[in-house]
Amino acid sequence: MKISDSGSSDFQQAPIGNHPARCFKIIDIGTQEGEWQGKSLARRQIVVFWELCNELMETKEGKKAPFQVSKWYTASLNEKATLRADLVNWRGRQFTQEELMGFDIQNIIGKPCLVSVVHNENGKAKVSAVSALPKGMEVPPQANPSFYLSLEPDEFDRAKFDSLHDFWKGKIQDTPEWHKLNSPKKGPVSNKPTHDDPFLDAAGNFDAETIPF
């Protein structure tokens, strides 16, 4: 999966290795145009962000803060989806059919895991794998505030959108989901999902004692 930086050439890159991490932000960036095997492809995508709990960088204000890494995912839980594979590795167990019918992606915010970071040929950090924490490993409390932006009409938060970096705003403003949010309403908005993997809608029922989310 692709990892995007915001266009800053002096951005500090997260170090290579396996790091205890905590998810703190998810952005629904809508349907993005791309290419796969020479063919045009449109996919609903989300971007998941983690803070590396034990790896600190120096901010512009001279303070210490955890490095951040992110990964783009197609918003799908079908059996071949990268998102599903990473969540299964993170949970340490497969999804049940009942869970697959309605998984709320917000459940992963605040949850710890282990992320593997590599650098591409340009020296940019990317997440190559996500897995469960080793048994007994402790991680510090979350440092960054939790953030979730959905483009679903009944979940969209304009103030959160306005707080985004211009890079993400530009990505979102080119999508059909954005145009739908900003077009005159022509009747009640349906809460039914528009794809076969409605994990952005109703939350699944999980046993918090046996699985992390």
Foldseek 3Di string as FASTA:
>chain_A
DDWDDLPDPPDDADDFFKAKKAWFEKEFQAWDWDDDPRHIDTFGKMKIKIFRQPAWDADPVRDIGTDMTMDMFGPACPPPGPVQVQVCQAFVHHDDPQQQQAAAPCLRHQFIWMWGWDADPVRHIHTPGIHHDPPPDDGDGDDDHHYYADLQLVGHDVVSLVPDDVSSVVSNCVHPSNVVNVDDDDDDDDQDDPDDGNHNHDHGDDDVVRTVD
